[in-house]
Protein backbone atom coordinates (compact mmCIF):
# COMPACT_ATOMS: atom_id res chain seq x y z
CA MET A 1 168.71 -48.07 191.00
CA GLU A 2 169.02 -49.04 194.89
CA ALA A 3 172.86 -47.51 194.49
CA GLU A 4 172.23 -44.92 192.95
CA VAL A 5 168.79 -43.39 194.99
CA LYS A 6 171.27 -43.66 198.65
CA GLN A 7 174.26 -42.06 196.46
CA LEU A 8 171.64 -39.17 195.45
CA ARG A 9 169.74 -39.10 198.79
CA ARG A 10 172.92 -39.09 200.57
CA GLU A 11 174.37 -35.80 198.11
CA LEU A 12 171.14 -33.91 198.44
CA LYS A 13 171.50 -34.68 202.53
CA LEU A 14 175.52 -32.84 202.15
CA LYS A 15 173.49 -30.04 199.33
CA ASP A 16 171.17 -29.36 202.34
CA ASP A 17 173.44 -29.82 204.99
CA ARG A 18 175.87 -26.98 202.86
CA CYS A 19 172.74 -24.66 202.13
CA LEU A 20 171.95 -23.89 206.42
CA THR A 21 175.67 -23.38 206.96
CA ALA A 22 175.25 -21.10 203.99
CA GLU A 23 172.35 -19.62 205.49
CA ARG A 24 173.49 -19.49 208.93
CA GLU A 25 176.70 -17.54 207.59
CA VAL A 26 174.77 -15.26 205.67
CA GLN A 27 172.82 -14.34 209.09
CA THR A 28 175.91 -14.15 211.30
CA LEU A 29 177.38 -11.38 208.72
CA ARG A 30 174.33 -9.20 208.46
CA GLN A 31 174.20 -9.58 212.02
CA TYR A 32 178.07 -8.16 212.25
CA LYS A 33 177.06 -5.38 209.25
CA GLU A 34 174.06 -4.43 211.67
CA SER A 35 176.45 -4.19 215.12
CA HIS A 36 179.03 -2.86 212.97
CA ASN A 37 176.35 0.02 211.41
CA GLU A 38 175.08 0.76 214.74
CA THR A 39 178.54 1.01 216.31
CA GLU A 40 179.23 3.70 213.33
CA ILE A 41 176.66 5.94 214.86
CA LEU A 42 177.05 5.66 218.48
CA MET A 43 180.62 6.91 217.38
CA SER A 44 179.41 9.71 215.66
CA ALA A 45 176.84 10.66 218.01
CA LEU A 46 179.78 10.16 220.69
CA SER A 47 182.24 12.79 218.19
CA ALA A 48 179.27 15.33 218.41
CA MET A 49 178.60 15.20 222.54
CA GLN A 50 182.40 15.53 222.30
CA ASP A 51 182.63 18.85 220.06
CA LYS A 52 179.22 19.88 222.08
CA ASN A 53 181.19 19.55 225.23
CA THR A 54 184.30 21.27 224.13
CA HIS A 55 182.57 24.36 223.04
CA LEU A 56 180.28 24.63 226.17
CA GLU A 57 183.14 24.26 228.34
CA ASN A 58 184.74 27.01 226.07
CA SER A 59 181.72 29.20 226.37
CA LEU A 60 181.86 28.61 230.47
CA SER A 61 185.28 29.54 230.82
CA ALA A 62 184.97 32.53 228.89
CA GLU A 63 181.22 33.41 231.10
CA THR A 64 183.90 33.12 233.84
CA ARG A 65 186.32 35.05 232.94
CA ILE A 66 183.62 38.37 232.13
CA LYS A 67 182.65 38.00 235.57
CA LEU A 68 185.88 38.07 237.20
CA ASP A 69 186.27 40.77 235.51
CA LEU A 70 182.70 42.93 236.21
CA PHE A 71 183.09 41.95 239.76
CA SER A 72 187.00 43.55 239.63
CA ALA A 73 185.33 46.52 237.95
CA LEU A 74 182.53 46.68 241.27
CA GLY A 75 184.98 46.11 243.31
CA GLU A 76 187.36 49.06 241.97
CA ALA A 77 184.13 51.01 241.70
CA LYS A 78 183.15 50.60 245.07
CA ARG A 79 186.62 51.97 246.25
CA GLN A 80 186.54 54.56 244.71
CA LEU A 81 183.42 55.47 246.44
CA GLU A 82 184.38 55.25 249.46
CA ILE A 83 187.30 57.25 248.75
CA HIS A 84 185.96 59.87 247.26
CA GLU A 85 183.05 59.48 249.92
CA SER A 86 185.65 59.79 252.69
């Protein structure tokens, strides 16, 4: 009877150890999942910011071209005015 009790206690200890190991693995997997989800969110935000940056660069480039055209036209108008005044 004592031998059976010792055997059952050993088996119980082994099962408890396996249970603890499984719980640690579950916790590790949960942390991995959370980390993976955070990475996806950050990558999505980065992609959106890159798209906005590209849009702003294109808008700024177009605005710069318009300003250059306006300054060129202003310079031409000044030259024409000087020619007419001379």
